[in-house]
PDB file of N, CA and C in Angstrom:
ATOM      1  N   MET A   1       5.333  22.850   9.063  1.00  0.00           N
ATOM      2  CA  MET A   1       5.455  22.084   9.725  1.00  0.00           C
ATOM      3  C   MET A   1       6.489  22.369  10.258  1.00  0.00           C
ATOM      4  N   ASN A   2       6.716  21.933  11.492  1.00  0.00           N
ATOM      5  CA  ASN A   2       8.024  21.932  12.081  1.00  0.00           C
ATOM      6  C   ASN A   2       8.972  20.392  11.846  1.00  0.00           C
ATOM      7  N   PRO A   3      10.027  20.250  11.295  1.00  0.00           N
ATOM      8  CA  PRO A   3      10.759  18.667  10.862  1.00  0.00           C
ATOM      9  C   PRO A   3      10.967  17.255  12.253  1.00  0.00           C
ATOM     10  N   LEU A   4      10.217  17.664  13.410  1.00  0.00           N
ATOM     11  CA  LEU A   4       9.628  17.239  14.052  1.00  0.00           C
ATOM     12  C   LEU A   4       8.856  16.180  14.030  1.00  0.00           C
ATOM     13  N   SER A   5       7.883  17.036  13.571  1.00  0.00           N
ATOM     14  CA  SER A   5       6.242  16.901  13.253  1.00  0.00           C
ATOM     15  C   SER A   5       6.217  16.291  12.067  1.00  0.00           C
ATOM     16  N   LEU A   6       6.875  16.443  11.392  1.00  0.00           N
ATOM     17  CA  LEU A   6       6.999  16.169   9.415  1.00  0.00           C
ATOM     18  C   LEU A   6       7.805  15.167   9.996  1.00  0.00           C
ATOM     19  N   ALA A   7       8.256  14.403  10.463  1.00  0.00           N
ATOM     20  CA  ALA A   7       8.886  13.249  10.915  1.00  0.00           C
ATOM     21  C   ALA A   7       8.133  12.155  11.616  1.00  0.00           C
ATOM     22  N   ALA A   8       7.606  12.259  12.162  1.00  0.00           N
ATOM     23  CA  ALA A   8       6.503  11.681  12.686  1.00  0.00           C
ATOM     24  C   ALA A   8       5.593  10.945  11.950  1.00  0.00           C
ATOM     25  N   SER A   9       5.340  12.072  11.250  1.00  0.00           N
ATOM     26  CA  SER A   9       4.263  11.902  10.601  1.00  0.00           C
ATOM     27  C   SER A   9       4.610  11.251   9.248  1.00  0.00           C
ATOM     28  N   ARG A  10       5.806  11.547   8.599  1.00  0.00           N
ATOM     29  CA  ARG A  10       5.999  10.204   8.165  1.00  0.00           C
ATOM     30  C   ARG A  10       6.649   8.659   8.379  1.00  0.00           C
ATOM     31  N   LEU A  11       6.832   9.407   9.615  1.00  0.00           N
ATOM     32  CA  LEU A  11       6.540   7.309  10.022  1.00  0.00           C
ATOM     33  C   LEU A  11       5.609   6.917  10.328  1.00  0.00           C
ATOM     34  N   HIS A  12       3.742   7.793  10.729  1.00  0.00           N
ATOM     35  CA  HIS A  12       3.029   7.203  10.628  1.00  0.00           C
ATOM     36  C   HIS A  12       2.866   6.505   9.429  1.00  0.00           C
ATOM     37  N   CYS A  13       3.079   7.772   8.630  1.00  0.00           N
ATOM     38  CA  CYS A  13       2.468   6.976   6.852  1.00  0.00           C
ATOM     39  C   CYS A  13       3.482   5.709   6.671  1.00  0.00           C
ATOM     40  N   LEU A  14       4.640   5.408   6.944  1.00  0.00           N
ATOM     41  CA  LEU A  14       4.768   4.113   6.561  1.00  0.00           C
ATOM     42  C   LEU A  14       4.400   2.758   7.694  1.00  0.00           C
ATOM     43  N   HIS A  15       4.603   3.015   8.697  1.00  0.00           N
ATOM     44  CA  HIS A  15       3.780   1.634   9.404  1.00  0.00           C
ATOM     45  C   HIS A  15       2.097   1.559   8.623  1.00  0.00           C
ATOM     46  N   ASN A  16       1.249   2.754   8.482  1.00  0.00           N
ATOM     47  CA  ASN A  16       0.365   2.751   8.078  1.00  0.00           C
ATOM     48  C   ASN A  16       0.977   1.803   6.548  1.00  0.00           C
ATOM     49  N   MET A  17       1.120   2.413   5.603  1.00  0.00           N
ATOM     50  CA  MET A  17       1.279   1.455   4.047  1.00  0.00           C
ATOM     51  C   MET A  17       1.865   0.004   4.095  1.00  0.00           C
ATOM     52  N   ARG A  18       2.437  -0.455   5.427  1.00  0.00           N
ATOM     53  CA  ARG A  18       2.581  -2.051   5.795  1.00  0.00           C
ATOM     54  C   ARG A  18       1.699  -2.133   5.602  1.00  0.00           C
ATOM     55  N   LEU A  19       0.261  -1.592   6.685  1.00  0.00           N
ATOM     56  CA  LEU A  19      -0.480  -2.629   7.467  1.00  0.00           C
ATOM     57  C   LEU A  19      -1.984  -2.417   5.578  1.00  0.00           C
ATOM     58  N   LEU A  20      -1.217  -1.997   5.120  1.00  0.00           N
ATOM     59  CA  LEU A  20      -1.876  -1.059   3.665  1.00  0.00           C
ATOM     60  C   LEU A  20      -3.445  -1.831   2.763  1.00  0.00           C
ATOM     61  N   GLN A  21      -2.088  -3.025   2.166  1.00  0.00           N
ATOM     62  CA  GLN A  21      -2.662  -4.694   1.764  1.00  0.00           C
ATOM     63  C   GLN A  21      -3.690  -5.291   2.439  1.00  0.00           C
ATOM     64  N   THR A  22      -3.561  -5.301   3.477  1.00  0.00           N
ATOM     65  CA  THR A  22      -3.856  -6.250   4.675  1.00  0.00           C
ATOM     66  C   THR A  22      -5.161  -5.800   5.015  1.00  0.00           C
ATOM     67  N   TYR A  23      -5.099  -4.444   4.947  1.00  0.00           N
ATOM     68  CA  TYR A  23      -6.463  -3.607   5.165  1.00  0.00           C
ATOM     69  C   TYR A  23      -6.695  -3.694   3.951  1.00  0.00           C
ATOM     70  N   LEU A  24      -7.033  -3.471   3.114  1.00  0.00           N
ATOM     71  CA  LEU A  24      -8.241  -3.487   1.585  1.00  0.00           C
ATOM     72  C   LEU A  24      -8.161  -4.682   1.444  1.00  0.00           C
ATOM     73  N   ASP A  25      -7.512  -5.601   2.224  1.00  0.00           N
ATOM     74  CA  ASP A  25      -7.983  -7.516   1.339  1.00  0.00           C
ATOM     75  C   ASP A  25      -8.914  -7.608   2.876  1.00  0.00           C
ATOM     76  N   GLY A  26      -9.004  -6.886   3.961  1.00  0.00           N
ATOM     77  CA  GLY A  26      -9.874  -7.250   4.891  1.00  0.00           C
ATOM     78  C   GLY A  26      -9.792  -7.799   5.823  1.00  0.00           C
ATOM     79  N   ALA A  27      -8.346  -8.202   6.182  1.00  0.00           N
ATOM     80  CA  ALA A  27      -7.756  -9.511   6.238  1.00  0.00           C
ATOM     81  C   ALA A  27      -7.093  -8.735   8.180  1.00  0.00           C
ATOM     82  N   LEU A  28      -7.131  -7.785   8.262  1.00  0.00           N
ATOM     83  CA  LEU A  28      -5.906  -6.778   9.595  1.00  0.00           C
ATOM     84  C   LEU A  28      -7.657  -6.661  10.486  1.00  0.00           C
ATOM     85  N   ASP A  29      -6.402  -6.868  11.444  1.00  0.00           N
ATOM     86  CA  ASP A  29      -8.044  -7.015  12.523  1.00  0.00           C
ATOM     87  C   ASP A  29      -8.299  -5.676  12.967  1.00  0.00           C
ATOM     88  N   GLU A  30      -9.313  -5.775  13.899  1.00  0.00           N
ATOM     89  CA  GLU A  30     -10.679  -4.308  14.359  1.00  0.00           C
ATOM     90  C   GLU A  30      -9.607  -3.072  14.886  1.00  0.00           C
ATOM     91  N   MET A  31      -9.111  -3.329  15.468  1.00  0.00           N
ATOM     92  CA  MET A  31      -7.834  -2.282  15.659  1.00  0.00           C
ATOM     93  C   MET A  31      -7.588  -1.715  15.271  1.00  0.00           C
ATOM     94  N   PRO A  32      -6.143  -3.053  15.047  1.00  0.00           N
ATOM     95  CA  PRO A  32      -5.182  -2.050  13.465  1.00  0.00           C
ATOM     96  C   PRO A  32      -5.939  -1.952  12.317  1.00  0.00           C
ATOM     97  N   ALA A  33      -7.387  -2.240  12.090  1.00  0.00           N
ATOM     98  CA  ALA A  33      -7.655  -1.662  10.286  1.00  0.00           C
ATOM     99  C   ALA A  33      -8.424  -0.456  10.945  1.00  0.00           C
ATOM    100  N   ARG A  34      -9.050  -0.257  12.478  1.00  0.00           N
ATOM    101  CA  ARG A  34      -9.885   1.306  12.746  1.00  0.00           C
ATOM    102  C   ARG A  34      -8.741   2.772  12.510  1.00  0.00           C
ATOM    103  N   ARG A  35      -8.185   1.880  12.853  1.00  0.00           N
ATOM    104  CA  ARG A  35      -6.023   3.220  13.181  1.00  0.00           C
ATOM    105  C   ARG A  35      -6.169   3.194  11.579  1.00  0.00           C
ATOM    106  N   VAL A  36      -5.770   2.297  10.699  1.00  0.00           N
ATOM    107  CA  VAL A  36      -5.156   2.121   8.762  1.00  0.00           C
ATOM    108  C   VAL A  36      -6.772   3.301   8.973  1.00  0.00           C
ATOM    109  N   ALA A  37      -8.249   2.857   9.131  1.00  0.00           N
ATOM    110  CA  ALA A  37      -8.371   3.543   8.030  1.00  0.00           C
ATOM    111  C   ALA A  37      -8.710   5.256   9.123  1.00  0.00           C
ATOM    112  N   GLU A  38      -8.424   5.042   9.989  1.00  0.00           N
ATOM    113  CA  GLU A  38      -8.297   7.117  10.571  1.00  0.00           C
ATOM    114  C   GLU A  38      -7.031   7.723  10.169  1.00  0.00           C
ATOM    115  N   HIS A  39      -6.232   6.986   9.783  1.00  0.00           N
ATOM    116  CA  HIS A  39      -5.298   7.148   9.476  1.00  0.00           C
ATOM    117  C   HIS A  39      -5.405   8.130   7.704  1.00  0.00           C
ATOM    118  N   LEU A  40      -6.190   7.092   7.179  1.00  0.00           N
ATOM    119  CA  LEU A  40      -6.862   7.178   5.243  1.00  0.00           C
ATOM    120  C   LEU A  40      -7.330   8.470   5.245  1.00  0.00           C
ATOM    121  N   GLU A  41      -8.251   8.822   5.922  1.00  0.00           N
ATOM    122  CA  GLU A  41      -9.271   9.686   5.746  1.00  0.00           C
ATOM    123  C   GLU A  41      -8.482  10.999   6.195  1.00  0.00           C
ATOM    124  N   GLU A  42      -7.380  11.450   7.174  1.00  0.00           N
ATOM    125  CA  GLU A  42      -6.856  12.468   7.601  1.00  0.00           C
ATOM    126  C   GLU A  42      -5.501  12.558   6.460  1.00  0.00           C
ATOM    127  N   CYS A  43      -4.881  11.633   5.942  1.00  0.00           N
ATOM    128  CA  CYS A  43      -3.500  11.670   5.375  1.00  0.00           C
ATOM    129  C   CYS A  43      -4.122  12.040   3.794  1.00  0.00           C
ATOM    130  N   ARG A  44      -3.610  12.423   3.088  1.00  0.00           N
ATOM    131  CA  ARG A  44      -4.470  12.653   1.736  1.00  0.00           C
ATOM    132  C   ARG A  44      -2.775  11.705   0.557  1.00  0.00           C
ATOM    133  N   ARG A  45      -1.642  11.648   1.015  1.00  0.00           N
ATOM    134  CA  ARG A  45      -1.004  10.542  -0.254  1.00  0.00           C
ATOM    135  C   ARG A  45      -1.545   9.377   0.194  1.00  0.00           C
ATOM    136  N   CYS A  46      -1.545   9.034   1.561  1.00  0.00           N
ATOM    137  CA  CYS A  46      -1.497   7.528   1.926  1.00  0.00           C
ATOM    138  C   CYS A  46      -3.356   7.423   1.495  1.00  0.00           C
ATOM    139  N   GLY A  47      -4.360   8.446   1.168  1.00  0.00           N
ATOM    140  CA  GLY A  47      -5.559   7.634   1.210  1.00  0.00           C
ATOM    141  C   GLY A  47      -5.459   7.871  -0.694  1.00  0.00           C
ATOM    142  N   LEU A  48      -4.922   8.882  -1.444  1.00  0.00           N
ATOM    143  CA  LEU A  48      -4.702   8.391  -2.769  1.00  0.00           C
ATOM    144  C   LEU A  48      -3.989   7.144  -3.053  1.00  0.00           C
ATOM    145  N   GLU A  49      -2.936   6.865  -2.248  1.00  0.00           N
ATOM    146  CA  GLU A  49      -2.143   5.396  -2.852  1.00  0.00           C
ATOM    147  C   GLU A  49      -3.724   4.603  -1.820  1.00  0.00           C
ATOM    148  N   ALA A  50      -4.169   4.479  -1.159  1.00  0.00           N
ATOM    149  CA  ALA A  50      -5.503   3.672  -1.039  1.00  0.00           C
ATOM    150  C   ALA A  50      -6.449   3.174  -2.187  1.00  0.00           C
ATOM    151  N   GLU A  51      -7.010   4.256  -2.377  1.00  0.00           N
ATOM    152  CA  GLU A  51      -7.738   4.034  -3.924  1.00  0.00           C
ATOM    153  C   GLU A  51      -7.007   4.067  -5.124  1.00  0.00           C
ATOM    154  N   ILE A  52      -6.031   4.546  -5.638  1.00  0.00           N
ATOM    155  CA  ILE A  52      -5.439   3.640  -6.578  1.00  0.00           C
ATOM    156  C   ILE A  52      -5.123   2.152  -6.587  1.00  0.00           C
ATOM    157  N   TYR A  53      -4.268   1.288  -5.197  1.00  0.00           N
ATOM    158  CA  TYR A  53      -5.357  -0.195  -4.672  1.00  0.00           C
ATOM    159  C   TYR A  53      -5.854  -0.408  -4.808  1.00  0.00           C
ATOM    160  N   ARG A  54      -7.277   0.550  -4.888  1.00  0.00           N
ATOM    161  CA  ARG A  54      -8.579   0.085  -4.921  1.00  0.00           C
ATOM    162  C   ARG A  54      -8.557   0.134  -6.319  1.00  0.00           C
ATOM    163  N   GLU A  55      -8.382   0.953  -7.027  1.00  0.00           N
ATOM    164  CA  GLU A  55      -8.650   0.573  -8.721  1.00  0.00           C
ATOM    165  C   GLU A  55      -7.940   0.008  -9.424  1.00  0.00           C
ATOM    166  N   ILE A  56      -6.843  -0.736  -8.813  1.00  0.00           N
ATOM    167  CA  ILE A  56      -6.055  -1.390  -9.379  1.00  0.00           C
ATOM    168  C   ILE A  56      -7.183  -3.216  -8.903  1.00  0.00           C
ATOM    169  N   LYS A  57      -7.419  -3.028  -8.164  1.00  0.00           N
ATOM    170  CA  LYS A  57      -7.794  -4.595  -7.331  1.00  0.00           C
ATOM    171  C   LYS A  57      -9.835  -4.639  -8.386  1.00  0.00           C
ATOM    172  N   ALA A  58     -10.646  -2.931  -8.350  1.00  0.00           N
ATOM    173  CA  ALA A  58     -11.482  -3.734  -9.027  1.00  0.00           C
ATOM    174  C   ALA A  58     -11.336  -3.752 -10.860  1.00  0.00           C
ATOM    175  N   SER A  59     -10.260  -3.174 -10.805  1.00  0.00           N
ATOM    176  CA  SER A  59      -9.585  -3.302 -12.714  1.00  0.00           C
ATOM    177  C   SER A  59      -9.720  -5.288 -12.877  1.00  0.00           C
ATOM    178  N   ILE A  60      -8.971  -5.298 -12.040  1.00  0.00           N
ATOM    179  CA  ILE A  60      -8.509  -6.383 -12.794  1.00  0.00           C
ATOM    180  C   ILE A  60      -9.616  -7.971 -11.471  1.00  0.00           C
ATOM    181  N   HIS A  61     -10.193  -7.591 -11.060  1.00  0.00           N
ATOM    182  CA  HIS A  61     -12.033  -7.725 -10.730  1.00  0.00           C
ATOM    183  C   HIS A  61     -12.940  -7.624 -11.163  1.00  0.00           C
ATOM    184  N   GLU A  62     -12.569  -6.839 -12.225  1.00  0.00           N
ATOM    185  CA  GLU A  62     -13.629  -7.018 -13.543  1.00  0.00           C
ATOM    186  C   GLU A  62     -13.492  -7.743 -15.102  1.00  0.00           C
ATOM    187  N   ARG A  63     -12.243  -8.064 -15.281  1.00  0.00           N
ATOM    188  CA  ARG A  63     -11.665  -8.677 -15.827  1.00  0.00           C
ATOM    189  C   ARG A  63     -12.428 -10.115 -15.630  1.00  0.00           C
ATOM    190  N   ASP A  64     -12.235 -10.613 -16.682  1.00  0.00           N
ATOM    191  CA  ASP A  64     -11.932 -12.336 -17.054  1.00  0.00           C
ATOM    192  C   ASP A  64     -11.155 -13.629 -17.114  1.00  0.00           C
ATOM    193  N   CYS A  65     -10.048 -12.914 -16.327  1.00  0.00           N
ATOM    194  CA  CYS A  65      -8.957 -12.901 -17.280  1.00  0.00           C
ATOM    195  C   CYS A  65      -8.164 -14.314 -16.727  1.00  0.00           C
ATOM    196  N   THR A  66      -7.007 -14.462 -16.351  1.00  0.00           N
ATOM    197  CA  THR A  66      -5.962 -15.561 -15.940  1.00  0.00           C
ATOM    198  C   THR A  66      -4.825 -14.003 -15.243  1.00  0.00           C
ATOM    199  N   VAL A  67      -4.097 -14.491 -14.636  1.00  0.00           N
ATOM    200  CA  VAL A  67      -2.498 -13.857 -14.304  1.00  0.00           C
ATOM    201  C   VAL A  67      -1.946 -13.562 -13.968  1.00  0.00           C
ATOM    202  N   ASP A  68      -0.286 -13.895 -14.153  1.00  0.00           N
ATOM    203  CA  ASP A  68       0.328 -14.509 -14.529  1.00  0.00           C
ATOM    204  C   ASP A  68       0.685 -13.865 -12.857  1.00  0.00           C
ATOM    205  N   PRO A  69       0.684 -15.423 -11.907  1.00  0.00           N
ATOM    206  CA  PRO A  69       1.268 -15.636 -11.266  1.00  0.00           C
ATOM    207  C   PRO A  69       2.723 -15.127 -10.671  1.00  0.00           C
ATOM    208  N   GLY A  70       3.305 -15.602 -11.514  1.00  0.00           N
ATOM    209  CA  GLY A  70       5.203 -14.604 -11.547  1.00  0.00           C
ATOM    210  C   GLY A  70       5.157 -13.784 -11.612  1.00  0.00           C
ATOM    211  N   ALA A  71       4.535 -12.648 -12.370  1.00  0.00           N
ATOM    212  CA  ALA A  71       4.053 -10.945 -12.297  1.00  0.00           C
ATOM    213  C   ALA A  71       3.570 -10.697 -11.467  1.00  0.00           C
ATOM    214  N   VAL A  72       2.367 -11.130 -10.997  1.00  0.00           N
ATOM    215  CA  VAL A  72       1.537 -11.176  -9.330  1.00  0.00           C
ATOM    216  C   VAL A  72       2.582 -10.764  -8.090  1.00  0.00           C
ATOM    217  N   GLU A  73       3.822 -11.640  -8.708  1.00  0.00           N
ATOM    218  CA  GLU A  73       4.825 -12.044  -7.223  1.00  0.00           C
ATOM    219  C   GLU A  73       5.442 -10.888  -7.448  1.00  0.00           C
ATOM    220  N   ARG A  74       5.824 -10.357  -8.462  1.00  0.00           N
ATOM    221  CA  ARG A  74       6.793  -9.425  -9.144  1.00  0.00           C
ATOM    222  C   ARG A  74       6.150  -7.754  -8.245  1.00  0.00           C
ATOM    223  N   LEU A  75       4.496  -8.016  -8.877  1.00  0.00           N
ATOM    224  CA  LEU A  75       4.107  -6.665  -8.295  1.00  0.00           C
ATOM    225  C   LEU A  75       4.566  -6.461  -7.564  1.00  0.00           C
ATOM    226  N   ARG A  76       4.267  -7.716  -6.139  1.00  0.00           N
ATOM    227  CA  ARG A  76       4.588  -7.274  -4.456  1.00  0.00           C
ATOM    228  C   ARG A  76       5.367  -7.099  -4.200  1.00  0.00           C
ATOM    229  N   ARG A  77       6.088  -7.909  -4.366  1.00  0.00           N
ATOM    230  CA  ARG A  77       8.049  -7.005  -4.392  1.00  0.00           C
ATOM    231  C   ARG A  77       8.317  -5.785  -4.450  1.00  0.00           C
ATOM    232  N   PHE A  78       8.068  -5.512  -5.642  1.00  0.00           N
ATOM    233  CA  PHE A  78       8.231  -3.658  -5.633  1.00  0.00           C
ATOM    234  C   PHE A  78       7.490  -3.285  -5.142  1.00  0.00           C
ATOM    235  N   GLY A  79       6.035  -3.186  -4.634  1.00  0.00           N
ATOM    236  CA  GLY A  79       5.363  -2.816  -3.666  1.00  0.00           C
ATOM    237  C   GLY A  79       6.044  -2.245  -2.429  1.00  0.00           C
ATOM    238  N   GLU A  80       6.230  -3.950  -2.317  1.00  0.00           N
ATOM    239  CA  GLU A  80       7.034  -3.652  -0.776  1.00  0.00           C
ATOM    240  C   GLU A  80       8.588  -2.665  -0.119  1.00  0.00           C
ATOM    241  N   ALA A  81       8.797  -3.115  -1.116  1.00  0.00           N
ATOM    242  CA  ALA A  81      10.434  -2.682  -1.753  1.00  0.00           C
ATOM    243  C   ALA A  81      10.152  -0.905  -1.461  1.00  0.00           C
ATOM    244  N   LEU A  82       8.976  -0.536  -1.786  1.00  0.00           N
ATOM    245  CA  LEU A  82       8.758   1.146  -2.350  1.00  0.00           C
ATOM    246  C   LEU A  82       8.579   0.954  -1.014  1.00  0.00           C
ATOM    247  N   ALA A  83       7.283   1.072  -0.095  1.00  0.00           N
ATOM    248  CA  ALA A  83       6.954   0.796   1.019  1.00  0.00           C
ATOM    249  C   ALA A  83       8.107   1.282   1.509  1.00  0.00           C
ATOM    250  N   ARG A  84       9.056  -0.304   1.829  1.00  0.00           N
ATOM    251  CA  ARG A  84       9.466   0.245   2.633  1.00  0.00           C
ATOM    252  C   ARG A  84      10.850   1.005   2.854  1.00  0.00           C
ATOM    253  N   ASP A  85      11.507   1.264   1.790  1.00  0.00           N
ATOM    254  CA  ASP A  85      12.414   2.094   1.743  1.00  0.00           C
ATOM    255  C   ASP A  85      12.082   3.338   0.189  1.00  0.00           C
ATOM    256  N   GLY A  86      11.085   2.949  -0.381  1.00  0.00           N
ATOM    257  CA  GLY A  86      11.195   4.384  -1.627  1.00  0.00           C
ATOM    258  C   GLY A  86      11.563   3.635  -2.745  1.00  0.00           C
ATOM    259  N   GLU A  87      12.200   2.449  -2.492  1.00  0.00           N
ATOM    260  CA  GLU A  87      13.163   2.079  -4.238  1.00  0.00           C
ATOM    261  C   GLU A  87      12.861   0.615  -4.258  1.00  0.00           C
ATOM    262  N   PRO A  88      12.507   0.376  -5.438  1.00  0.00           N
ATOM    263  CA  PRO A  88      12.745  -1.381  -5.689  1.00  0.00           C
ATOM    264  C   PRO A  88      13.897  -2.127  -5.531  1.00  0.00           C
ATOM    265  N   ALA A  89      13.525  -2.984  -5.289  1.00  0.00           N
ATOM    266  CA  ALA A  89      14.880  -3.769  -5.374  1.00  0.00           C
ATOM    267  C   ALA A  89      15.332  -4.281  -6.784  1.00  0.00           C
ATOM    268  N   PRO A  90      16.237  -4.199  -7.631  1.00  0.00           N
ATOM    269  CA  PRO A  90      16.850  -4.544  -8.444  1.00  0.00           C
ATOM    270  C   PRO A  90      16.133  -5.704  -8.934  1.00  0.00           C
ATOM    271  N   GLY A  91      15.980  -6.523 -10.454  1.00  0.00           N
ATOM    272  CA  GLY A  91      15.241  -6.949 -10.642  1.00  0.00           C
ATOM    273  C   GLY A  91      13.630  -6.993 -10.341  1.00  0.00           C
ATOM    274  N   GLY A  92      13.195  -5.667  -9.593  1.00  0.00           N
ATOM    275  CA  GLY A  92      11.884  -5.542  -9.080  1.00  0.00           C
ATOM    276  C   GLY A  92      10.488  -6.322 -10.007  1.00  0.00           C
ATOM    277  N   ALA A  93       9.601  -5.122 -10.346  1.00  0.00           N
ATOM    278  CA  ALA A  93       8.886  -5.003 -11.167  1.00  0.00           C
ATOM    279  C   ALA A  93       9.097  -5.970 -12.663  1.00  0.00           C
ATOM    280  N   GLY A  94       9.714  -4.748 -13.216  1.00  0.00           N
ATOM    281  CA  GLY A  94      10.651  -4.759 -14.098  1.00  0.00           C
ATOM    282  C   GLY A  94      11.366  -6.194 -15.398  1.00  0.00           C
ATOM    283  N   ALA A  95      11.562  -6.851 -13.866  1.00  0.00           N
ATOM    284  CA  ALA A  95      12.284  -7.960 -14.147  1.00  0.00           C
ATOM    285  C   ALA A  95      11.879  -8.885 -15.318  1.00  0.00           C
TER     286      ALA A  95
END
């Protein structure tokens, strides 16, 4: 793959990863949802990421337990930081 094509592919992935959680929650409008779904079918890396999110959600829903809202918020911030720039913010999920 040439460098320009690789850069375009990464930008496409970043855009879709920002929409991924909203897409998986079923809260994305029809047209953007269709684009994200198409990207997930074509991009192995993003498809695997989506599958991991689905498995985490399914695991949480299968258990009948309460989840610490603070822990959820830390994980959300951690995930957003990873999607944004590939590195967690200081005091992310481990804080």
